[in-house]
Amino acid sequence: MRGAKGQPERPGGAAPWPLQGPLPPAVVVHAAAQAEAALAAAGPRGVLLLSARGAGAYLGPAVFLRMVAHAAAAHPGVPHLPVLDCADAPGFALAAIRAGLRAVVLDPACPAFAAVAGAAAECGAAVLPERPEALDLGPLDLRRPGGREKLAAWLRR
């Protein structure tokens, strides 16, 4: 999907996320239910939905974007930025950007880092040289109050 000025829209049809300025708090999501819980707790500040390490290779951008879109449909209007970690694989990073992701993580030691970053910039996307500090939702039981409170406290930081 394309939004204003031909830029990819965020899943859920919301306006494109501004990539300038500070990023919102980040959480690592492994499933749609975790993304949904993060969006439910995020509030107006929003949340960065970060994939697991190297997920660009085994999950792929289409599955990650569907997972985020499912969560966003349940919480329309909540600002969010999905970020797919592509480890040191420039082909996966380019595929993710082509699929509509506005940001990917790519190892800066990758010989093609500068080329991928340049291509991303032309598309209005960003290549992050490292994973942002994030709360991994994998070990949390978000069905329990303690897990949900830990998530909420992280997002309030």
N, C-alpha and C. Protein backbone atom coordinates (compact mmCIF):
# COMPACT_ATOMS: atom_id res chain seq x y z
N MET A 1 0.84 -1.18 0.00
CA MET A 1 0.00 0.00 0.00
C MET A 1 0.88 1.24 0.00
N ARG A 2 0.41 2.25 -0.64
CA ARG A 2 1.13 3.51 -0.70
C ARG A 2 0.32 4.60 -0.04
N GLY A 3 1.00 5.45 0.71
CA GLY A 3 0.33 6.56 1.38
C GLY A 3 0.71 7.87 0.72
N ALA A 4 0.73 8.93 1.52
CA ALA A 4 1.07 10.25 1.03
C ALA A 4 2.46 10.24 0.39
N LYS A 5 2.61 10.92 -0.70
CA LYS A 5 3.89 11.07 -1.41
C LYS A 5 4.44 9.72 -1.87
N GLY A 6 3.58 8.70 -2.04
CA GLY A 6 4.01 7.42 -2.55
C GLY A 6 4.78 6.57 -1.58
N GLN A 7 4.89 7.00 -0.31
CA GLN A 7 5.62 6.22 0.68
C GLN A 7 4.77 5.05 1.15
N PRO A 8 5.41 3.94 1.52
CA PRO A 8 4.64 2.82 2.03
C PRO A 8 3.90 3.20 3.30
N GLU A 9 2.68 2.72 3.42
CA GLU A 9 1.92 2.95 4.65
C GLU A 9 2.30 1.90 5.67
N ARG A 10 2.10 2.24 6.91
CA ARG A 10 2.28 1.26 7.96
C ARG A 10 1.14 0.27 7.88
N PRO A 11 1.37 -0.98 8.33
CA PRO A 11 0.27 -1.93 8.37
C PRO A 11 -0.89 -1.34 9.16
N GLY A 12 -2.10 -1.62 8.71
CA GLY A 12 -3.28 -1.08 9.36
C GLY A 12 -3.78 0.17 8.66
N GLY A 13 -3.04 0.66 7.65
CA GLY A 13 -3.49 1.79 6.87
C GLY A 13 -3.25 3.15 7.50
N ALA A 14 -2.53 3.23 8.60
CA ALA A 14 -2.27 4.52 9.24
C ALA A 14 -1.25 5.30 8.42
N ALA A 15 -1.11 6.57 8.72
CA ALA A 15 -0.17 7.42 8.00
C ALA A 15 1.26 6.91 8.21
N PRO A 16 2.17 7.21 7.27
CA PRO A 16 3.55 6.76 7.41
C PRO A 16 4.18 7.26 8.71
N TRP A 17 4.98 6.42 9.31
CA TRP A 17 5.68 6.77 10.55
C TRP A 17 6.80 7.73 10.21
N PRO A 18 6.94 8.84 10.94
CA PRO A 18 8.07 9.73 10.67
C PRO A 18 9.36 9.08 11.17
N LEU A 19 10.32 8.89 10.30
CA LEU A 19 11.56 8.22 10.70
C LEU A 19 12.56 9.19 11.31
N GLN A 20 12.24 10.48 11.37
CA GLN A 20 13.11 11.44 12.03
C GLN A 20 12.75 11.47 13.52
N GLY A 21 13.71 11.89 14.31
CA GLY A 21 13.46 12.03 15.73
C GLY A 21 13.64 10.72 16.47
N PRO A 22 13.38 10.76 17.77
CA PRO A 22 13.60 9.56 18.58
C PRO A 22 12.58 8.47 18.24
N LEU A 23 13.04 7.25 18.32
CA LEU A 23 12.16 6.10 18.10
C LEU A 23 11.36 5.83 19.37
N PRO A 24 10.18 5.27 19.23
CA PRO A 24 9.40 4.92 20.42
C PRO A 24 10.03 3.70 21.11
N PRO A 25 9.55 3.34 22.29
CA PRO A 25 10.07 2.15 22.95
C PRO A 25 9.89 0.92 22.05
N ALA A 26 10.85 0.01 22.13
CA ALA A 26 10.84 -1.18 21.26
C ALA A 26 10.53 -2.44 22.05
N VAL A 27 9.77 -3.32 21.42
CA VAL A 27 9.52 -4.65 21.97
C VAL A 27 9.78 -5.68 20.88
N VAL A 28 10.31 -6.83 21.27
CA VAL A 28 10.54 -7.92 20.33
C VAL A 28 9.28 -8.78 20.33
N VAL A 29 8.70 -8.94 19.13
CA VAL A 29 7.48 -9.74 18.98
C VAL A 29 7.78 -10.98 18.16
N HIS A 30 7.22 -12.10 18.62
CA HIS A 30 7.41 -13.38 17.95
C HIS A 30 6.09 -13.91 17.38
N ALA A 31 4.98 -13.26 17.72
CA ALA A 31 3.66 -13.74 17.30
C ALA A 31 2.70 -12.55 17.27
N ALA A 32 1.61 -12.74 16.52
CA ALA A 32 0.61 -11.67 16.39
C ALA A 32 0.02 -11.28 17.74
N ALA A 33 -0.18 -12.24 18.62
CA ALA A 33 -0.76 -11.93 19.94
C ALA A 33 0.15 -11.00 20.73
N GLN A 34 1.45 -11.17 20.60
CA GLN A 34 2.39 -10.28 21.30
C GLN A 34 2.35 -8.88 20.69
N ALA A 35 2.29 -8.80 19.36
CA ALA A 35 2.18 -7.49 18.71
C ALA A 35 0.89 -6.81 19.13
N GLU A 36 -0.19 -7.58 19.22
CA GLU A 36 -1.48 -7.02 19.62
C GLU A 36 -1.41 -6.49 21.06
N ALA A 37 -0.79 -7.24 21.95
CA ALA A 37 -0.65 -6.79 23.34
C ALA A 37 0.19 -5.52 23.42
N ALA A 38 1.24 -5.44 22.62
CA ALA A 38 2.09 -4.24 22.62
C ALA A 38 1.31 -3.03 22.14
N LEU A 39 0.53 -3.20 21.08
CA LEU A 39 -0.27 -2.08 20.58
C LEU A 39 -1.34 -1.68 21.58
N ALA A 40 -1.93 -2.64 22.26
CA ALA A 40 -2.95 -2.35 23.26
C ALA A 40 -2.38 -1.52 24.41
N ALA A 41 -1.13 -1.77 24.75
CA ALA A 41 -0.51 -1.09 25.88
C ALA A 41 0.24 0.18 25.48
N ALA A 42 0.45 0.41 24.20
CA ALA A 42 1.36 1.47 23.74
C ALA A 42 0.86 2.88 24.00
N GLY A 43 -0.39 3.14 23.76
CA GLY A 43 -0.88 4.50 23.91
C GLY A 43 -0.42 5.39 22.79
N PRO A 44 -0.59 6.70 22.93
CA PRO A 44 -0.31 7.63 21.84
C PRO A 44 1.17 7.76 21.49
N ARG A 45 2.05 7.37 22.39
CA ARG A 45 3.49 7.46 22.11
C ARG A 45 3.90 6.46 21.04
N GLY A 46 3.18 5.34 20.97
CA GLY A 46 3.48 4.33 19.98
C GLY A 46 4.49 3.32 20.45
N VAL A 47 4.82 2.41 19.54
CA VAL A 47 5.74 1.32 19.88
C VAL A 47 6.46 0.87 18.62
N LEU A 48 7.70 0.48 18.79
CA LEU A 48 8.48 -0.11 17.71
C LEU A 48 8.36 -1.62 17.87
N LEU A 49 7.81 -2.29 16.86
CA LEU A 49 7.63 -3.74 16.88
C LEU A 49 8.81 -4.37 16.16
N LEU A 50 9.73 -4.92 16.92
CA LEU A 50 10.98 -5.46 16.41
C LEU A 50 10.88 -6.98 16.29
N SER A 51 11.32 -7.50 15.16
CA SER A 51 11.31 -8.96 14.99
C SER A 51 12.44 -9.60 15.81
N ALA A 52 12.42 -10.89 15.88
CA ALA A 52 13.52 -11.64 16.49
C ALA A 52 14.78 -11.45 15.63
N ARG A 53 15.93 -11.74 16.21
CA ARG A 53 17.19 -11.62 15.48
C ARG A 53 17.18 -12.51 14.24
N GLY A 54 17.55 -11.91 13.11
CA GLY A 54 17.67 -12.67 11.88
C GLY A 54 16.36 -13.15 11.28
N ALA A 55 15.24 -12.64 11.74
CA ALA A 55 13.93 -13.12 11.28
C ALA A 55 13.70 -12.85 9.79
N GLY A 56 14.43 -11.93 9.20
CA GLY A 56 14.30 -11.69 7.77
C GLY A 56 14.58 -12.95 6.97
N ALA A 57 15.44 -13.82 7.48
CA ALA A 57 15.81 -15.04 6.76
C ALA A 57 14.80 -16.16 6.92
N TYR A 58 14.23 -16.32 8.10
CA TYR A 58 13.35 -17.48 8.32
C TYR A 58 11.87 -17.12 8.38
N LEU A 59 11.55 -15.89 8.71
CA LEU A 59 10.16 -15.47 8.79
C LEU A 59 9.76 -14.74 7.50
N GLY A 60 10.62 -13.84 7.08
CA GLY A 60 10.38 -13.09 5.85
C GLY A 60 9.49 -11.89 6.07
N PRO A 61 9.57 -10.92 5.16
CA PRO A 61 8.80 -9.69 5.33
C PRO A 61 7.30 -9.88 5.21
N ALA A 62 6.84 -10.76 4.33
CA ALA A 62 5.39 -10.92 4.13
C ALA A 62 4.72 -11.43 5.40
N VAL A 63 5.30 -12.43 6.03
CA VAL A 63 4.71 -12.98 7.25
C VAL A 63 4.78 -11.96 8.38
N PHE A 64 5.91 -11.27 8.51
CA PHE A 64 6.05 -10.26 9.56
C PHE A 64 5.02 -9.14 9.36
N LEU A 65 4.88 -8.66 8.13
CA LEU A 65 3.91 -7.60 7.87
C LEU A 65 2.47 -8.07 8.11
N ARG A 66 2.15 -9.32 7.78
CA ARG A 66 0.79 -9.85 8.07
C ARG A 66 0.55 -9.92 9.57
N MET A 67 1.57 -10.34 10.31
CA MET A 67 1.45 -10.42 11.77
C MET A 67 1.16 -9.03 12.35
N VAL A 68 1.90 -8.03 11.89
CA VAL A 68 1.71 -6.67 12.38
C VAL A 68 0.36 -6.12 11.93
N ALA A 69 -0.03 -6.39 10.69
CA ALA A 69 -1.32 -5.91 10.18
C ALA A 69 -2.48 -6.50 10.98
N HIS A 70 -2.37 -7.76 11.35
CA HIS A 70 -3.41 -8.39 12.18
C HIS A 70 -3.54 -7.66 13.51
N ALA A 71 -2.42 -7.37 14.13
CA ALA A 71 -2.43 -6.66 15.42
C ALA A 71 -2.95 -5.23 15.25
N ALA A 72 -2.52 -4.57 14.19
CA ALA A 72 -2.94 -3.17 13.96
C ALA A 72 -4.43 -3.07 13.67
N ALA A 73 -5.00 -4.09 13.05
CA ALA A 73 -6.44 -4.07 12.77
C ALA A 73 -7.24 -4.08 14.07
N ALA A 74 -6.70 -4.72 15.09
CA ALA A 74 -7.37 -4.76 16.39
C ALA A 74 -7.19 -3.47 17.17
N HIS A 75 -6.20 -2.66 16.80
CA HIS A 75 -5.90 -1.41 17.52
C HIS A 75 -5.61 -0.30 16.51
N PRO A 76 -6.61 0.08 15.72
CA PRO A 76 -6.38 1.09 14.69
C PRO A 76 -5.98 2.43 15.30
N GLY A 77 -5.10 3.11 14.62
CA GLY A 77 -4.69 4.43 15.06
C GLY A 77 -3.55 4.45 16.04
N VAL A 78 -3.11 3.31 16.55
CA VAL A 78 -1.98 3.30 17.49
C VAL A 78 -0.69 3.39 16.67
N PRO A 79 0.11 4.41 16.92
CA PRO A 79 1.36 4.56 16.17
C PRO A 79 2.29 3.36 16.41
N HIS A 80 2.84 2.84 15.33
CA HIS A 80 3.77 1.72 15.46
C HIS A 80 4.70 1.69 14.26
N LEU A 81 5.88 1.14 14.48
CA LEU A 81 6.87 0.99 13.42
C LEU A 81 7.37 -0.44 13.45
N PRO A 82 7.00 -1.26 12.46
CA PRO A 82 7.55 -2.61 12.40
C PRO A 82 8.97 -2.57 11.85
N VAL A 83 9.87 -3.31 12.49
CA VAL A 83 11.27 -3.34 12.07
C VAL A 83 11.70 -4.81 12.00
N LEU A 84 12.12 -5.23 10.81
CA LEU A 84 12.55 -6.61 10.59
C LEU A 84 14.07 -6.69 10.68
N ASP A 85 14.56 -7.57 11.53
CA ASP A 85 16.00 -7.78 11.68
C ASP A 85 16.46 -8.73 10.58
N CYS A 86 17.36 -8.26 9.76
CA CYS A 86 17.86 -9.04 8.62
C CYS A 86 19.29 -9.52 8.84
N ALA A 87 19.80 -9.41 10.06
CA ALA A 87 21.15 -9.87 10.42
C ALA A 87 22.16 -9.27 9.44
N ASP A 88 22.93 -10.13 8.76
CA ASP A 88 23.95 -9.65 7.82
C ASP A 88 23.59 -9.99 6.38
N ALA A 89 22.28 -10.08 6.10
CA ALA A 89 21.80 -10.50 4.78
C ALA A 89 21.19 -9.33 4.01
N PRO A 90 21.96 -8.70 3.14
CA PRO A 90 21.46 -7.53 2.42
C PRO A 90 20.29 -7.85 1.49
N GLY A 91 20.25 -9.04 0.92
CA GLY A 91 19.14 -9.41 0.04
C GLY A 91 17.82 -9.44 0.79
N PHE A 92 17.84 -9.96 2.01
CA PHE A 92 16.62 -9.98 2.82
C PHE A 92 16.21 -8.57 3.22
N ALA A 93 17.20 -7.71 3.50
CA ALA A 93 16.89 -6.33 3.86
C ALA A 93 16.23 -5.61 2.68
N LEU A 94 16.77 -5.80 1.47
CA LEU A 94 16.17 -5.17 0.29
C LEU A 94 14.77 -5.72 0.02
N ALA A 95 14.60 -7.02 0.20
CA ALA A 95 13.27 -7.62 0.00
C ALA A 95 12.26 -7.04 0.99
N ALA A 96 12.71 -6.82 2.22
CA ALA A 96 11.82 -6.27 3.24
C ALA A 96 11.40 -4.84 2.88
N ILE A 97 12.33 -4.06 2.41
CA ILE A 97 12.02 -2.68 2.01
C ILE A 97 11.09 -2.70 0.80
N ARG A 98 11.36 -3.58 -0.15
CA ARG A 98 10.50 -3.71 -1.33
C ARG A 98 9.09 -4.13 -0.93
N ALA A 99 8.96 -4.93 0.13
CA ALA A 99 7.65 -5.39 0.60
C ALA A 99 6.89 -4.31 1.35
N GLY A 100 7.55 -3.20 1.69
CA GLY A 100 6.86 -2.09 2.34
C GLY A 100 7.31 -1.76 3.74
N LEU A 101 8.28 -2.48 4.28
CA LEU A 101 8.78 -2.12 5.60
C LEU A 101 9.54 -0.80 5.50
N ARG A 102 9.32 0.05 6.50
CA ARG A 102 9.96 1.37 6.51
C ARG A 102 11.30 1.34 7.23
N ALA A 103 11.60 0.23 7.92
CA ALA A 103 12.87 0.14 8.64
C ALA A 103 13.27 -1.33 8.78
N VAL A 104 14.57 -1.56 8.66
CA VAL A 104 15.16 -2.89 8.87
C VAL A 104 16.42 -2.73 9.69
N VAL A 105 16.84 -3.82 10.30
CA VAL A 105 18.14 -3.85 10.97
C VAL A 105 19.06 -4.66 10.08
N LEU A 106 20.27 -4.13 9.82
CA LEU A 106 21.28 -4.82 9.02
C LEU A 106 22.63 -4.59 9.68
N ASP A 107 23.40 -5.65 9.82
CA ASP A 107 24.72 -5.58 10.43
C ASP A 107 25.60 -4.60 9.65
N PRO A 108 26.16 -3.59 10.32
CA PRO A 108 26.98 -2.60 9.61
C PRO A 108 28.27 -3.19 9.04
N ALA A 109 28.68 -4.37 9.50
CA ALA A 109 29.87 -5.03 8.96
C ALA A 109 29.57 -5.68 7.60
N CYS A 110 28.32 -5.76 7.23
CA CYS A 110 27.93 -6.32 5.94
C CYS A 110 28.54 -5.46 4.83
N PRO A 111 29.26 -6.04 3.89
CA PRO A 111 29.88 -5.23 2.83
C PRO A 111 28.89 -4.38 2.02
N ALA A 112 27.65 -4.80 1.94
CA ALA A 112 26.66 -4.06 1.16
C ALA A 112 25.85 -3.07 2.00
N PHE A 113 26.26 -2.84 3.24
CA PHE A 113 25.48 -1.98 4.13
C PHE A 113 25.20 -0.61 3.50
N ALA A 114 26.23 0.05 3.01
CA ALA A 114 26.06 1.41 2.45
C ALA A 114 25.12 1.40 1.24
N ALA A 115 25.24 0.39 0.40
CA ALA A 115 24.37 0.31 -0.78
C ALA A 115 22.92 0.09 -0.37
N VAL A 116 22.69 -0.78 0.61
CA VAL A 116 21.33 -1.04 1.08
C VAL A 116 20.77 0.21 1.75
N ALA A 117 21.58 0.88 2.56
CA ALA A 117 21.13 2.11 3.21
C ALA A 117 20.77 3.17 2.18
N GLY A 118 21.55 3.28 1.11
CA GLY A 118 21.24 4.24 0.05
C GLY A 118 19.94 3.91 -0.67
N ALA A 119 19.75 2.63 -0.97
CA ALA A 119 18.50 2.20 -1.62
C ALA A 119 17.31 2.44 -0.70
N ALA A 120 17.49 2.16 0.57
CA ALA A 120 16.41 2.38 1.54
C ALA A 120 16.03 3.85 1.60
N ALA A 121 17.04 4.71 1.65
CA ALA A 121 16.78 6.15 1.72
C ALA A 121 15.99 6.64 0.51
N GLU A 122 16.29 6.09 -0.65
CA GLU A 122 15.55 6.47 -1.86
C GLU A 122 14.07 6.08 -1.77
N CYS A 123 13.78 5.06 -0.97
CA CYS A 123 12.40 4.59 -0.79
C CYS A 123 11.73 5.20 0.43
N GLY A 124 12.43 6.07 1.13
CA GLY A 124 11.87 6.64 2.36
C GLY A 124 11.95 5.71 3.54
N ALA A 125 12.85 4.73 3.47
CA ALA A 125 13.02 3.76 4.56
C ALA A 125 14.36 4.00 5.24
N ALA A 126 14.58 3.29 6.32
CA ALA A 126 15.82 3.42 7.08
C ALA A 126 16.42 2.06 7.35
N VAL A 127 17.75 2.03 7.39
CA VAL A 127 18.48 0.83 7.78
C VAL A 127 19.15 1.15 9.11
N LEU A 128 18.78 0.40 10.13
CA LEU A 128 19.36 0.60 11.46
C LEU A 128 20.61 -0.28 11.58
N PRO A 129 21.74 0.27 12.01
CA PRO A 129 22.97 -0.51 12.11
C PRO A 129 23.01 -1.42 13.35
N GLU A 130 22.07 -1.25 14.23
CA GLU A 130 22.00 -2.13 15.41
C GLU A 130 20.56 -2.19 15.89
N ARG A 131 20.28 -3.25 16.61
CA ARG A 131 18.95 -3.41 17.18
C ARG A 131 18.75 -2.39 18.29
N PRO A 132 17.61 -1.73 18.33
CA PRO A 132 17.36 -0.84 19.46
C PRO A 132 17.17 -1.67 20.74
N GLU A 133 17.42 -1.03 21.86
CA GLU A 133 17.16 -1.69 23.13
C GLU A 133 15.67 -2.05 23.16
N ALA A 134 15.37 -3.29 23.52
CA ALA A 134 13.99 -3.74 23.43
C ALA A 134 13.67 -4.76 24.52
N LEU A 135 12.41 -4.80 24.88
CA LEU A 135 11.89 -5.82 25.79
C LEU A 135 11.44 -7.00 24.94
N ASP A 136 12.00 -8.18 25.19
CA ASP A 136 11.63 -9.38 24.44
C ASP A 136 10.36 -9.95 25.07
N LEU A 137 9.28 -9.98 24.30
CA LEU A 137 8.01 -10.47 24.82
C LEU A 137 7.93 -11.99 24.82
N GLY A 138 8.88 -12.67 24.21
CA GLY A 138 8.87 -14.13 24.16
C GLY A 138 8.78 -14.80 25.52
N PRO A 139 9.60 -14.41 26.48
CA PRO A 139 9.57 -15.06 27.79
C PRO A 139 8.41 -14.61 28.70
N LEU A 140 7.70 -13.55 28.31
CA LEU A 140 6.63 -13.03 29.17
C LEU A 140 5.31 -13.75 28.90
N ASP A 141 4.56 -14.00 29.95
CA ASP A 141 3.20 -14.52 29.80
C ASP A 141 2.26 -13.32 29.85
N LEU A 142 1.87 -12.85 28.68
CA LEU A 142 1.04 -11.65 28.59
C LEU A 142 -0.42 -11.91 28.94
N ARG A 143 -0.75 -13.17 29.24
CA ARG A 143 -2.11 -13.47 29.71
C ARG A 143 -2.24 -13.19 31.20
N ARG A 144 -1.12 -13.02 31.86
CA ARG A 144 -1.12 -12.77 33.31
C ARG A 144 -0.85 -11.30 33.60
N PRO A 145 -1.40 -10.79 34.69
CA PRO A 145 -1.20 -9.37 35.04
C PRO A 145 0.26 -8.99 35.16
N GLY A 146 1.11 -9.87 35.70
CA GLY A 146 2.53 -9.53 35.85
C GLY A 146 3.21 -9.29 34.52
N GLY A 147 2.91 -10.10 33.53
CA GLY A 147 3.49 -9.92 32.20
C GLY A 147 3.01 -8.65 31.55
N ARG A 148 1.72 -8.39 31.65
CA ARG A 148 1.16 -7.17 31.07
C ARG A 148 1.72 -5.92 31.76
N GLU A 149 1.91 -6.00 33.08
CA GLU A 149 2.46 -4.85 33.81
C GLU A 149 3.91 -4.60 33.42
N LYS A 150 4.68 -5.66 33.22
CA LYS A 150 6.07 -5.47 32.80
C LYS A 150 6.11 -4.79 31.42
N LEU A 151 5.25 -5.20 30.53
CA LEU A 151 5.15 -4.58 29.21
C LEU A 151 4.76 -3.10 29.35
N ALA A 152 3.74 -2.82 30.14
CA ALA A 152 3.27 -1.44 30.32
C ALA A 152 4.38 -0.57 30.92
N ALA A 153 5.09 -1.09 31.90
CA ALA A 153 6.18 -0.32 32.52
C ALA A 153 7.28 -0.03 31.50
N TRP A 154 7.60 -1.00 30.66
CA TRP A 154 8.60 -0.79 29.62
C TRP A 154 8.17 0.32 28.65
N LEU A 155 6.93 0.29 28.26
CA LEU A 155 6.43 1.27 27.29
C LEU A 155 6.30 2.68 27.89
N ARG A 156 6.23 2.78 29.21
CA ARG A 156 6.17 4.10 29.86
C ARG A 156 7.53 4.75 29.99
N ARG A 157 8.60 4.03 29.78
CA ARG A 157 9.97 4.55 29.95
C ARG A 157 10.22 5.79 29.15
